[in-house]
N, C-alpha and C. Protein backbone atom coordinates (compact mmCIF):
# COMPACT_ATOMS: atom_id res chain seq x y z
N MET A 1 -4.19 -33.45 -3.31
CA MET A 1 -3.22 -33.78 -1.90
C MET A 1 -3.36 -33.02 -1.05
N PRO A 2 -3.39 -33.39 0.28
CA PRO A 2 -3.14 -32.50 1.46
C PRO A 2 -2.29 -31.91 1.25
N LEU A 3 -0.89 -32.07 0.89
CA LEU A 3 0.21 -31.31 1.23
C LEU A 3 -0.10 -29.83 0.31
N VAL A 4 -0.17 -30.40 -0.82
CA VAL A 4 -0.50 -29.08 -2.48
C VAL A 4 -1.51 -28.06 -1.33
N LYS A 5 -2.98 -28.96 -1.38
CA LYS A 5 -3.88 -28.23 -1.09
C LYS A 5 -3.28 -26.82 0.95
N HIS A 6 -2.67 -27.31 1.41
CA HIS A 6 -2.25 -26.80 2.22
C HIS A 6 -1.14 -26.08 1.98
N PHE A 7 -0.54 -26.18 1.17
CA PHE A 7 0.74 -24.96 0.43
C PHE A 7 -0.33 -24.03 -0.08
N LYS A 8 -1.15 -24.53 -0.78
CA LYS A 8 -1.94 -23.58 -1.95
C LYS A 8 -2.98 -22.55 -0.56
N GLY A 9 -3.82 -23.07 0.49
CA GLY A 9 -4.34 -22.07 1.10
C GLY A 9 -3.44 -20.83 1.74
N LYS A 10 -2.20 -21.58 2.65
CA LYS A 10 -1.39 -20.74 3.07
C LYS A 10 -0.40 -19.29 2.06
N PHE A 11 0.03 -20.09 0.94
CA PHE A 11 -0.11 -19.04 0.16
C PHE A 11 -0.47 -17.87 -0.83
N ILE A 12 -1.84 -18.07 -0.35
CA ILE A 12 -2.57 -17.38 -0.80
C ILE A 12 -3.22 -16.16 0.38
N THR A 13 -3.19 -16.84 1.50
CA THR A 13 -3.52 -16.07 2.94
C THR A 13 -2.28 -15.36 3.13
N GLY A 14 -0.94 -15.60 2.61
CA GLY A 14 0.01 -14.90 3.17
C GLY A 14 0.90 -13.79 1.20
N PHE A 15 -0.45 -14.39 0.64
CA PHE A 15 -0.36 -12.92 -0.35
C PHE A 15 -0.88 -11.80 -0.41
N LEU A 16 -2.25 -12.54 0.34
CA LEU A 16 -3.31 -11.54 0.36
C LEU A 16 -2.67 -10.39 1.78
N VAL A 17 -2.00 -10.84 2.60
CA VAL A 17 -1.51 -9.88 3.86
C VAL A 17 -0.30 -9.10 3.44
N LEU A 18 0.58 -10.16 2.54
CA LEU A 18 1.60 -8.96 1.99
C LEU A 18 1.14 -8.31 1.05
N ILE A 19 0.52 -8.40 0.03
CA ILE A 19 0.54 -7.24 -0.66
C ILE A 19 0.19 -5.89 -0.76
N PRO A 20 -1.11 -5.90 0.02
CA PRO A 20 -1.22 -4.86 0.72
C PRO A 20 -0.31 -3.57 1.60
N LEU A 21 0.65 -4.32 2.05
CA LEU A 21 1.37 -3.83 2.68
C LEU A 21 3.10 -3.61 1.88
N LEU A 22 3.40 -4.39 0.79
CA LEU A 22 4.57 -4.26 -0.09
C LEU A 22 4.12 -3.23 -1.25
N VAL A 23 2.95 -2.37 -1.75
CA VAL A 23 1.90 -1.25 -1.92
C VAL A 23 2.23 -0.46 -1.55
N THR A 24 2.02 -0.30 -0.19
CA THR A 24 1.67 0.69 0.54
C THR A 24 2.90 1.10 0.72
N ALA A 25 4.13 0.29 0.66
CA ALA A 25 5.46 0.70 1.25
C ALA A 25 5.67 1.28 0.27
N TYR A 26 6.06 0.45 -1.48
CA TYR A 26 6.37 1.23 -2.35
C TYR A 26 5.75 2.64 -2.80
N VAL A 27 4.63 2.61 -2.45
CA VAL A 27 3.58 4.38 -2.57
C VAL A 27 4.48 5.12 -1.93
N VAL A 28 4.90 4.47 -0.25
CA VAL A 28 5.36 5.89 0.49
C VAL A 28 6.75 5.89 -0.11
N TYR A 29 7.58 4.66 -0.18
CA TYR A 29 9.25 5.20 -1.04
C TYR A 29 8.97 5.91 -2.09
N LEU A 30 8.01 6.08 -3.02
CA LEU A 30 7.89 6.82 -4.14
C LEU A 30 7.86 8.00 -3.62
N VAL A 31 7.12 8.77 -3.19
CA VAL A 31 6.80 9.51 -2.40
C VAL A 31 8.00 10.55 -1.28
N VAL A 32 8.74 9.24 -0.82
CA VAL A 32 9.57 10.04 -0.44
C VAL A 32 10.88 10.64 -0.95
N SER A 33 11.09 9.27 -1.96
CA SER A 33 12.27 9.54 -3.22
C SER A 33 11.82 11.13 -3.53
N PHE A 34 10.69 11.43 -3.76
CA PHE A 34 10.58 12.28 -4.84
C PHE A 34 10.75 13.83 -4.06
N LEU A 35 9.65 13.28 -2.89
CA LEU A 35 10.36 14.89 -2.07
C LEU A 35 11.50 15.04 -1.80
N ASP A 36 12.61 13.68 -1.54
CA ASP A 36 13.59 13.81 -1.51
C ASP A 36 15.23 14.40 -1.78
N THR A 37 14.34 14.12 -3.75
CA THR A 37 14.84 15.04 -4.94
C THR A 37 14.64 16.30 -5.15
N ILE A 38 13.15 16.83 -4.31
CA ILE A 38 13.46 18.63 -4.08
C ILE A 38 14.05 18.77 -3.11
N ALA A 39 13.50 18.29 -1.66
CA ALA A 39 14.23 19.24 -0.96
C ALA A 39 15.95 18.78 -0.44
N SER A 40 16.76 18.04 -0.75
CA SER A 40 18.07 17.75 -0.95
C SER A 40 18.71 18.99 -1.51
N PRO A 41 18.84 19.04 -2.69
CA PRO A 41 19.08 20.31 -3.41
C PRO A 41 18.83 21.82 -2.57
N LEU A 42 17.58 21.82 -2.28
CA LEU A 42 17.33 22.87 -1.93
C LEU A 42 17.77 23.62 -0.74
N PHE A 43 18.41 22.12 0.47
CA PHE A 43 18.66 22.07 1.63
C PHE A 43 20.24 22.46 1.01
N ASP A 44 20.50 21.54 0.33
CA ASP A 44 22.07 22.00 -0.16
C ASP A 44 22.47 23.52 -0.21
N ASN A 45 21.64 23.93 -0.76
CA ASN A 45 21.98 25.22 -1.29
C ASN A 45 21.64 26.55 -0.44
N ILE A 46 20.88 26.15 0.63
CA ILE A 46 20.64 27.09 2.03
C ILE A 46 22.10 26.71 2.93
N SER A 47 22.38 25.14 3.18
CA SER A 47 23.44 25.35 4.14
C SER A 47 24.55 25.73 3.58
N PHE A 48 25.18 25.63 2.22
CA PHE A 48 25.77 26.31 1.35
C PHE A 48 25.49 27.80 1.57
N SER A 49 24.66 28.72 1.89
CA SER A 49 24.47 29.71 2.17
C SER A 49 25.19 30.36 3.21
N LEU A 50 24.46 29.64 3.76
CA LEU A 50 24.82 29.92 5.58
C LEU A 50 26.05 29.52 6.10
N ILE A 51 26.75 28.07 5.54
CA ILE A 51 28.08 28.18 6.43
C ILE A 51 29.00 27.72 5.36
N GLY A 52 28.68 28.10 3.77
CA GLY A 52 29.60 27.96 3.40
C GLY A 52 30.20 26.17 2.63
N ARG A 53 29.26 25.46 3.23
CA ARG A 53 29.48 24.20 2.72
C ARG A 53 28.36 23.41 2.55
N SER A 54 28.01 22.51 1.39
CA SER A 54 27.11 21.84 1.67
C SER A 54 26.26 20.40 1.89
N LEU A 55 25.09 20.00 2.77
CA LEU A 55 25.53 19.25 4.01
C LEU A 55 23.80 17.94 3.22
N TYR A 56 24.60 16.71 3.68
CA TYR A 56 23.34 15.67 3.08
C TYR A 56 22.70 15.36 4.56
N ILE A 57 21.52 15.77 4.61
CA ILE A 57 20.88 14.98 6.04
C ILE A 57 20.30 13.67 5.11
N PRO A 58 20.70 12.52 5.65
CA PRO A 58 19.47 11.31 5.38
C PRO A 58 18.25 11.06 6.06
N GLY A 59 17.26 11.08 5.32
CA GLY A 59 16.00 11.28 5.76
C GLY A 59 14.92 12.34 5.45
N LEU A 60 15.42 13.03 4.84
CA LEU A 60 14.86 14.53 4.39
C LEU A 60 13.56 14.61 3.95
N GLY A 61 13.26 13.74 3.24
CA GLY A 61 12.56 13.44 2.35
C GLY A 61 11.04 12.85 3.27
N LEU A 62 11.61 11.82 4.22
CA LEU A 62 10.83 11.36 4.99
C LEU A 62 9.99 12.22 5.80
N LEU A 63 10.94 13.14 6.36
CA LEU A 63 10.67 14.57 7.30
C LEU A 63 9.69 15.34 6.71
N LEU A 64 10.01 15.52 5.16
CA LEU A 64 9.06 16.43 4.50
C LEU A 64 7.92 16.06 4.47
N PHE A 65 8.10 14.13 3.87
CA PHE A 65 6.40 14.10 3.75
C PHE A 65 5.69 13.89 4.70
N VAL A 66 6.55 12.93 6.40
CA VAL A 66 5.38 13.76 7.65
C VAL A 66 5.21 15.62 7.66
N ILE A 67 5.96 15.91 7.59
CA ILE A 67 5.38 17.26 7.77
C ILE A 67 4.58 18.10 6.91
N ILE A 68 4.40 17.39 5.93
CA ILE A 68 3.21 18.06 4.85
C ILE A 68 1.70 17.06 4.92
N THR A 69 2.10 16.36 5.20
CA THR A 69 1.08 15.20 5.84
C THR A 69 0.29 15.61 6.52
N TYR A 70 0.96 16.03 7.18
CA TYR A 70 0.90 16.79 9.21
C TYR A 70 0.01 17.49 9.01
N ALA A 71 0.75 18.65 8.03
CA ALA A 71 -0.22 20.24 7.75
C ALA A 71 -1.22 20.46 6.65
N ALA A 72 -1.10 19.13 5.74
CA ALA A 72 -2.46 18.63 5.51
C ALA A 72 -3.62 18.18 5.99
N GLY A 73 -3.21 17.83 6.99
CA GLY A 73 -4.54 17.42 8.11
C GLY A 73 -4.93 19.13 8.94
N VAL A 74 -3.79 19.37 9.44
CA VAL A 74 -4.04 20.46 9.98
C VAL A 74 -5.51 21.46 8.87
N PHE A 75 -4.85 21.69 7.60
CA PHE A 75 -4.96 22.71 7.19
C PHE A 75 -6.81 22.19 6.82
N THR A 76 -7.06 20.91 6.54
CA THR A 76 -8.38 20.19 5.86
C THR A 76 -9.09 20.49 7.27
N SER A 77 -8.84 20.29 8.52
CA SER A 77 -9.66 21.01 9.71
C SER A 77 -10.11 21.92 9.85
N ASN A 78 -10.03 22.94 9.09
CA ASN A 78 -11.16 24.29 8.82
C ASN A 78 -11.73 23.67 8.01
N TYR A 79 -12.80 25.20 8.14
CA TYR A 79 -13.82 25.40 7.20
C TYR A 79 -13.18 25.84 5.78
N ALA A 80 -11.96 27.15 5.65
CA ALA A 80 -11.42 27.27 4.17
C ALA A 80 -10.74 25.82 3.82
N GLY A 81 -10.01 25.18 4.47
CA GLY A 81 -9.52 24.27 3.79
C GLY A 81 -10.33 23.38 3.36
N ARG A 82 -11.40 22.73 4.38
CA ARG A 82 -12.31 21.75 3.39
C ARG A 82 -13.45 22.34 1.84
N LYS A 83 -12.86 23.71 2.23
CA LYS A 83 -13.95 24.47 0.93
C LYS A 83 -12.59 23.64 -0.55
N LEU A 84 -11.67 24.71 -0.14
CA LEU A 84 -10.58 24.26 -0.70
C LEU A 84 -10.30 22.91 -1.28
N VAL A 85 -10.26 22.19 -0.89
CA VAL A 85 -10.12 20.55 -0.99
C VAL A 85 -11.31 20.39 -1.69
N SER A 86 -12.97 20.42 -1.33
CA SER A 86 -14.15 20.44 -2.35
C SER A 86 -13.91 20.40 -3.54
N TRP A 87 -13.11 22.31 -3.92
CA TRP A 87 -13.19 22.43 -4.81
C TRP A 87 -12.19 21.82 -5.85
N GLY A 88 -11.12 21.60 -5.63
CA GLY A 88 -10.37 20.71 -5.82
C GLY A 88 -10.62 18.95 -6.47
N GLU A 89 -11.33 18.75 -5.49
CA GLU A 89 -12.09 17.30 -5.88
C GLU A 89 -13.07 17.28 -7.03
N ALA A 90 -13.81 18.73 -6.96
CA ALA A 90 -14.62 18.56 -7.98
C ALA A 90 -14.20 19.13 -9.39
N LEU A 91 -12.56 19.20 -9.39
CA LEU A 91 -12.16 19.65 -10.40
C LEU A 91 -11.50 17.82 -10.80
N LEU A 92 -11.16 17.45 -9.92
CA LEU A 92 -10.56 16.69 -10.57
C LEU A 92 -11.55 15.49 -10.93
N ARG A 93 -12.43 15.30 -10.67
CA ARG A 93 -13.71 14.61 -11.05
C ARG A 93 -14.22 14.87 -12.37
N ARG A 94 -13.43 15.67 -12.60
CA ARG A 94 -14.60 16.48 -14.16
C ARG A 94 -13.12 16.04 -15.18
N ILE A 95 -11.73 15.56 -15.17
CA ILE A 95 -11.14 15.28 -15.83
C ILE A 95 -10.83 13.73 -16.16
N PRO A 96 -10.91 13.11 -17.78
CA PRO A 96 -11.19 12.16 -17.83
C PRO A 96 -10.00 11.15 -17.48
N PHE A 97 -10.35 10.08 -17.13
CA PHE A 97 -8.81 9.27 -17.02
C PHE A 97 -8.47 9.25 -15.25
N ILE A 98 -8.06 10.77 -14.63
CA ILE A 98 -7.83 10.84 -13.47
C ILE A 98 -8.75 10.96 -12.73
N LYS A 99 -9.89 11.56 -12.92
CA LYS A 99 -11.47 10.92 -12.07
C LYS A 99 -11.65 9.40 -12.03
N SER A 100 -11.19 9.11 -12.54
CA SER A 100 -11.88 7.30 -12.53
C SER A 100 -10.36 6.73 -11.53
N ILE A 101 -9.12 7.54 -11.60
CA ILE A 101 -8.32 6.76 -10.27
C ILE A 101 -8.20 7.60 -9.25
N TYR A 102 -8.65 8.28 -8.86
CA TYR A 102 -9.18 9.72 -7.91
C TYR A 102 -10.12 9.25 -7.15
N ALA A 103 -11.11 8.88 -7.75
CA ALA A 103 -12.37 7.89 -7.03
C ALA A 103 -11.97 7.06 -6.61
N SER A 104 -11.60 6.12 -7.16
CA SER A 104 -11.35 4.56 -7.24
C SER A 104 -10.46 4.80 -5.39
N THR A 105 -9.00 5.55 -5.82
CA THR A 105 -8.45 5.61 -4.16
C THR A 105 -9.21 6.27 -3.19
N LYS A 106 -10.12 7.18 -3.52
CA LYS A 106 -10.36 8.14 -2.74
C LYS A 106 -11.82 6.90 -1.59
N ASP A 107 -12.23 6.29 -2.32
CA ASP A 107 -13.35 5.60 -1.88
C ASP A 107 -13.06 4.18 -1.14
N PHE A 108 -11.78 4.01 -1.67
CA PHE A 108 -11.29 2.94 -0.90
C PHE A 108 -10.83 3.13 0.14
N MET A 109 -9.95 4.48 0.83
CA MET A 109 -9.25 4.59 1.36
C MET A 109 -10.73 5.12 2.73
N GLU A 110 -11.77 5.78 1.94
CA GLU A 110 -12.64 6.06 3.22
C GLU A 110 -13.64 4.95 3.42
N ALA A 111 -12.77 3.93 2.92
CA ALA A 111 -14.15 2.62 3.38
C ALA A 111 -13.11 1.87 4.85
N PHE A 112 -11.94 2.55 4.86
CA PHE A 112 -11.14 1.90 6.23
C PHE A 112 -11.25 2.89 7.06
N SER A 113 -11.62 4.51 7.24
CA SER A 113 -11.46 5.61 7.79
C SER A 113 -12.26 5.27 9.08
N SER A 114 -11.64 5.89 10.12
CA SER A 114 -12.07 5.05 11.59
C SER A 114 -13.91 5.92 11.90
N GLU A 115 -14.09 7.22 11.11
CA GLU A 115 -15.63 7.41 10.60
C GLU A 115 -16.43 6.39 10.50
N LYS A 116 -16.26 5.61 9.18
CA LYS A 116 -16.94 4.68 8.40
C LYS A 116 -17.02 3.33 8.82
N LEU A 117 -16.05 2.97 9.73
CA LEU A 117 -16.38 1.72 10.21
C LEU A 117 -16.40 1.84 11.84
N LYS A 118 -16.91 3.21 11.91
CA LYS A 118 -17.83 3.47 13.65
C LYS A 118 -19.51 3.37 13.13
N SER A 119 -19.65 3.41 11.78
CA SER A 119 -21.32 3.79 11.32
C SER A 119 -21.35 2.41 10.99
N PHE A 120 -20.26 1.17 11.09
CA PHE A 120 -20.67 -0.27 10.95
C PHE A 120 -21.02 -0.84 12.46
N ARG A 121 -22.29 -1.36 12.56
CA ARG A 121 -22.28 -1.41 14.31
C ARG A 121 -22.35 -2.93 14.61
N GLU A 122 -22.86 -4.00 13.64
CA GLU A 122 -22.58 -5.15 14.40
C GLU A 122 -22.44 -6.06 12.51
N VAL A 123 -21.93 -7.01 12.58
CA VAL A 123 -21.89 -7.72 11.43
C VAL A 123 -22.50 -8.83 11.57
N VAL A 124 -23.48 -9.27 10.32
CA VAL A 124 -24.28 -10.18 10.29
C VAL A 124 -24.43 -11.00 9.47
N LEU A 125 -25.04 -11.99 9.73
CA LEU A 125 -25.58 -13.02 8.15
C LEU A 125 -27.26 -12.71 7.91
N VAL A 126 -27.32 -12.20 6.54
CA VAL A 126 -28.97 -11.70 5.95
C VAL A 126 -28.39 -12.70 4.70
N GLU A 127 -30.15 -13.30 4.53
CA GLU A 127 -30.72 -14.06 3.36
C GLU A 127 -30.67 -13.00 2.14
N PHE A 128 -29.94 -12.89 1.19
CA PHE A 128 -30.15 -12.09 0.59
C PHE A 128 -28.47 -13.18 -0.91
N PRO A 129 -28.48 -12.49 -2.12
CA PRO A 129 -29.99 -12.01 -2.77
C PRO A 129 -31.20 -12.57 -2.97
N HIS A 130 -31.73 -14.17 -2.04
CA HIS A 130 -32.71 -14.68 -2.66
C HIS A 130 -32.52 -15.71 -0.83
N LYS A 131 -33.77 -16.18 -0.88
CA LYS A 131 -34.07 -17.20 0.38
C LYS A 131 -33.18 -18.23 0.74
N GLY A 132 -32.64 -18.63 1.28
CA GLY A 132 -31.59 -20.07 1.30
C GLY A 132 -29.96 -19.74 1.00
N THR A 133 -29.60 -18.43 0.15
CA THR A 133 -28.40 -18.06 0.49
C THR A 133 -27.84 -17.20 1.10
N TYR A 134 -26.97 -17.01 2.01
CA TYR A 134 -26.81 -15.60 3.05
C TYR A 134 -25.58 -15.22 2.77
N ALA A 135 -25.24 -13.54 2.85
CA ALA A 135 -24.42 -12.71 2.47
C ALA A 135 -23.78 -12.31 4.21
N LEU A 136 -22.61 -11.60 3.92
CA LEU A 136 -21.90 -11.05 5.07
C LEU A 136 -22.86 -9.42 4.95
N GLY A 137 -23.09 -9.18 6.50
CA GLY A 137 -23.61 -7.53 6.56
C GLY A 137 -23.07 -6.76 7.49
N PHE A 138 -23.64 -5.56 7.45
CA PHE A 138 -23.03 -4.18 8.54
C PHE A 138 -24.26 -3.34 8.88
N VAL A 139 -24.72 -3.68 10.02
CA VAL A 139 -25.45 -3.40 10.20
C VAL A 139 -25.13 -1.46 10.58
N THR A 140 -25.96 -0.82 10.08
CA THR A 140 -25.18 0.83 10.13
C THR A 140 -26.65 1.67 11.24
N SER A 141 -28.11 0.99 10.54
CA SER A 141 -29.03 1.92 11.60
C SER A 141 -30.35 1.01 11.86
N ARG A 142 -30.84 1.42 12.48
CA ARG A 142 -32.22 0.68 12.64
C ARG A 142 -33.40 1.62 13.02
N VAL A 143 -34.48 1.25 12.43
CA VAL A 143 -35.64 1.91 11.72
C VAL A 143 -36.97 1.79 12.56
N GLN A 144 -37.72 2.21 13.35
CA GLN A 144 -39.48 1.88 13.96
C GLN A 144 -40.52 1.81 12.67
N HIS A 145 -41.16 1.11 12.60
CA HIS A 145 -42.42 0.91 11.87
C HIS A 145 -43.07 0.69 12.91
N GLY A 146 -44.17 0.74 13.55
CA GLY A 146 -45.12 0.46 13.66
C GLY A 146 -44.44 -0.59 15.05
N ASP A 147 -44.97 -1.83 15.35
CA ASP A 147 -44.16 -2.92 16.19
C ASP A 147 -43.08 -3.27 15.69
N SER A 148 -42.62 -3.38 14.26
CA SER A 148 -41.85 -3.76 14.22
C SER A 148 -40.79 -2.93 14.60
N VAL A 149 -39.31 -3.44 13.96
CA VAL A 149 -37.69 -2.99 13.71
C VAL A 149 -37.00 -2.98 12.83
N PHE A 150 -36.97 -2.42 11.88
CA PHE A 150 -36.33 -3.18 10.30
C PHE A 150 -34.71 -2.14 10.90
N CYS A 151 -34.02 -3.72 9.99
CA CYS A 151 -32.39 -2.93 10.08
C CYS A 151 -32.22 -2.51 8.90
N ALA A 152 -30.99 -1.21 9.16
CA ALA A 152 -30.18 -1.02 7.52
C ALA A 152 -29.07 -1.57 7.83
N VAL A 153 -28.81 -2.95 6.58
CA VAL A 153 -27.74 -3.02 6.36
C VAL A 153 -26.84 -3.36 5.14
N PHE A 154 -25.84 -3.08 5.35
CA PHE A 154 -25.12 -2.95 3.92
C PHE A 154 -24.06 -3.92 3.85
N VAL A 155 -24.06 -4.36 2.67
CA VAL A 155 -24.01 -6.02 2.06
C VAL A 155 -22.93 -5.23 1.20
N PRO A 156 -21.92 -5.54 1.38
CA PRO A 156 -20.38 -5.16 0.27
C PRO A 156 -20.14 -6.37 -0.61
N THR A 157 -19.58 -5.59 -2.02
CA THR A 157 -19.36 -6.89 -2.62
C THR A 157 -17.61 -6.59 -1.99
N THR A 158 -17.29 -7.98 -3.07
CA THR A 158 -16.54 -8.73 -2.53
C THR A 158 -14.86 -8.67 -4.23
N PRO A 159 -14.31 -8.45 -4.12
CA PRO A 159 -12.97 -7.89 -3.49
C PRO A 159 -13.09 -6.33 -2.66
N ASN A 160 -13.84 -5.52 -3.37
CA ASN A 160 -13.59 -4.32 -3.39
C ASN A 160 -14.97 -3.76 -2.21
N PRO A 161 -14.97 -3.86 -0.83
CA PRO A 161 -15.73 -3.58 -0.08
C PRO A 161 -16.90 -2.44 0.01
N THR A 162 -16.45 -0.97 -1.15
CA THR A 162 -16.64 0.35 -0.82
C THR A 162 -17.64 0.15 -1.81
N SER A 163 -18.40 -0.56 -2.62
CA SER A 163 -19.39 -0.82 -3.18
C SER A 163 -20.09 -1.98 -2.75
N GLY A 164 -21.57 -2.16 -2.68
CA GLY A 164 -22.83 -3.10 -2.24
C GLY A 164 -24.06 -2.86 -2.19
N TYR A 165 -24.65 -3.05 -1.29
CA TYR A 165 -26.33 -3.02 -1.34
C TYR A 165 -26.74 -2.65 -0.06
N LEU A 166 -27.58 -2.07 0.21
CA LEU A 166 -27.88 -1.00 1.18
C LEU A 166 -29.67 -2.10 1.55
N ILE A 167 -30.24 -3.02 2.53
CA ILE A 167 -30.94 -3.61 2.50
C ILE A 167 -31.68 -3.37 3.74
N LEU A 168 -32.54 -3.14 3.26
CA LEU A 168 -33.75 -3.19 4.63
C LEU A 168 -34.41 -4.65 5.34
N VAL A 169 -34.13 -4.70 7.07
CA VAL A 169 -34.32 -5.88 7.00
C VAL A 169 -34.96 -6.26 8.49
N PRO A 170 -36.08 -7.07 8.18
CA PRO A 170 -37.00 -7.06 10.12
C PRO A 170 -35.83 -7.37 10.86
N GLN A 171 -35.38 -7.06 12.25
CA GLN A 171 -34.57 -7.15 12.76
C GLN A 171 -34.06 -8.82 13.60
N GLU A 172 -35.61 -9.62 13.22
CA GLU A 172 -35.30 -11.09 13.38
C GLU A 172 -35.20 -11.75 12.69
N GLY A 173 -35.09 -11.61 11.28
CA GLY A 173 -34.70 -11.76 10.07
C GLY A 173 -33.07 -11.85 10.26
N LEU A 174 -32.10 -11.30 11.12
CA LEU A 174 -30.71 -11.69 11.06
C LEU A 174 -30.03 -12.48 12.27
N GLN A 175 -28.72 -13.02 11.58
CA GLN A 175 -28.04 -13.76 12.57
C GLN A 175 -26.76 -13.07 12.61
N HIS A 176 -26.86 -12.83 14.18
CA HIS A 176 -25.79 -11.98 14.12
C HIS A 176 -24.33 -12.72 15.08
N LEU A 177 -23.38 -11.84 14.21
CA LEU A 177 -22.06 -12.82 14.07
C LEU A 177 -21.46 -12.22 15.39
N ALA A 178 -20.40 -12.92 16.22
CA ALA A 178 -19.29 -12.79 17.14
C ALA A 178 -17.98 -12.54 16.43
N MET A 179 -18.10 -11.46 15.64
CA MET A 179 -16.88 -11.09 14.59
C MET A 179 -16.79 -9.61 14.95
N PRO A 180 -15.26 -9.35 14.98
CA PRO A 180 -15.31 -7.52 14.77
C PRO A 180 -15.59 -7.22 13.46
N VAL A 181 -15.97 -5.50 13.80
CA VAL A 181 -16.41 -5.27 12.33
C VAL A 181 -14.63 -5.06 11.08
N ASP A 182 -14.04 -4.90 11.85
CA ASP A 182 -12.41 -5.03 10.79
C ASP A 182 -12.12 -6.46 10.37
N GLU A 183 -12.64 -8.27 11.14
CA GLU A 183 -11.98 -8.88 10.64
C GLU A 183 -13.24 -9.21 9.84
N ALA A 184 -14.29 -8.74 10.26
CA ALA A 184 -15.27 -9.14 8.68
C ALA A 184 -15.17 -8.25 7.55
N ILE A 185 -14.27 -7.24 7.38
CA ILE A 185 -14.50 -6.24 6.21
C ILE A 185 -12.75 -7.47 5.61
N LYS A 186 -11.81 -7.33 6.34
CA LYS A 186 -11.23 -8.41 5.88
C LYS A 186 -11.38 -9.90 5.55
N TYR A 187 -12.14 -10.19 5.90
CA TYR A 187 -12.85 -11.15 5.16
C TYR A 187 -13.39 -11.34 3.90
N VAL A 188 -14.13 -10.41 3.72
CA VAL A 188 -15.03 -9.99 2.29
C VAL A 188 -13.50 -9.49 1.49
N ILE A 189 -12.92 -8.95 1.96
CA ILE A 189 -11.08 -8.54 1.02
C ILE A 189 -10.25 -10.09 0.36
N SER A 190 -10.68 -10.33 1.56
CA SER A 190 -9.42 -12.10 0.91
C SER A 190 -10.25 -12.82 0.05
N LEU A 191 -11.47 -12.59 -0.41
CA LEU A 191 -12.69 -13.53 -1.55
C LEU A 191 -12.94 -14.62 -0.03
N GLY A 192 -13.30 -14.58 1.27
CA GLY A 192 -13.83 -15.56 1.92
C GLY A 192 -11.99 -16.76 2.32
N THR A 193 -11.13 -16.01 2.04
CA THR A 193 -9.95 -17.58 2.74
C THR A 193 -9.46 -16.86 3.96
N ALA A 194 -9.92 -15.60 4.57
CA ALA A 194 -8.95 -15.13 5.59
C ALA A 194 -9.77 -15.58 7.25
N LYS A 195 -9.13 -16.62 7.69
CA LYS A 195 -9.57 -17.76 9.03
C LYS A 195 -10.28 -16.58 9.57
N VAL A 196 -11.93 -16.63 9.68
CA VAL A 196 -12.23 -15.95 10.79
C VAL A 196 -13.59 -16.73 11.81
N ASP A 197 -13.74 -16.17 12.20
CA ASP A 197 -15.17 -16.76 13.21
C ASP A 197 -16.24 -16.35 13.61
N LEU A 198 -17.26 -17.37 12.67
CA LEU A 198 -18.53 -17.18 12.00
C LEU A 198 -19.45 -17.82 12.68
N ARG A 199 -19.12 -17.94 14.13
CA ARG A 199 -20.18 -18.71 14.99
C ARG A 199 -21.57 -17.28 15.22
N TRP A 200 -22.34 -18.02 15.60
CA TRP A 200 -23.55 -17.19 15.90
C TRP A 200 -23.40 -16.65 17.72
N ASN A 201 -23.27 -15.00 17.28
CA ASN A 201 -23.64 -14.53 18.67
C ASN A 201 -24.97 -14.84 19.47
N GLU A 202 -24.56 -16.11 20.37
CA GLU A 202 -25.50 -16.43 20.96
C GLU A 202 -26.30 -15.20 22.23
N GLN A 203 -26.16 -14.14 22.38
CA GLN A 203 -26.47 -13.29 23.91
C GLN A 203 -27.85 -12.48 22.41
N ARG A 204 -27.89 -12.71 21.42
CA ARG A 204 -29.37 -11.89 20.65
C ARG A 204 -29.80 -12.64 20.49
């Protein structure tokens, strides 16, 4: 039935939109609540020592979360901070079970970092894995070989775009799409259910 199909399609789209937001909000809530349980008693003791009574400040955990996150950004911006973080990552990657969680989370976050997105120059369709079948890919660089130009194309897997295949394709073998990189990534994550513009870029 058309009504059931319409409801199913919209429900899946809404589900894919809401779940990342809810998971993010829940993780932030857990972190802020944890910091609040640490900061509130500490602040109570300090305020009691200074003014003789305890004070409660709503959102103290959130404030502490912002300060810690900012401090972490400043700390890892210098050489010593990066070296310490690198050492800590190497240690975490040696611990069974923990290394899987940490590596997966880090890879997923890095996939959406501004640096990673900037390396994806164009969105293309490429014949992959065999002739007659097309896959969505991102051009990351171009290589000159004699009179020919080859494009390095990253073909992500779905629904996890942090893994995939790197293939070299002749430039004329690509179909360039008039689609922003972020829209293409959403399309991959949504298993192809997200509404996107798959028209060719006629200027190429």
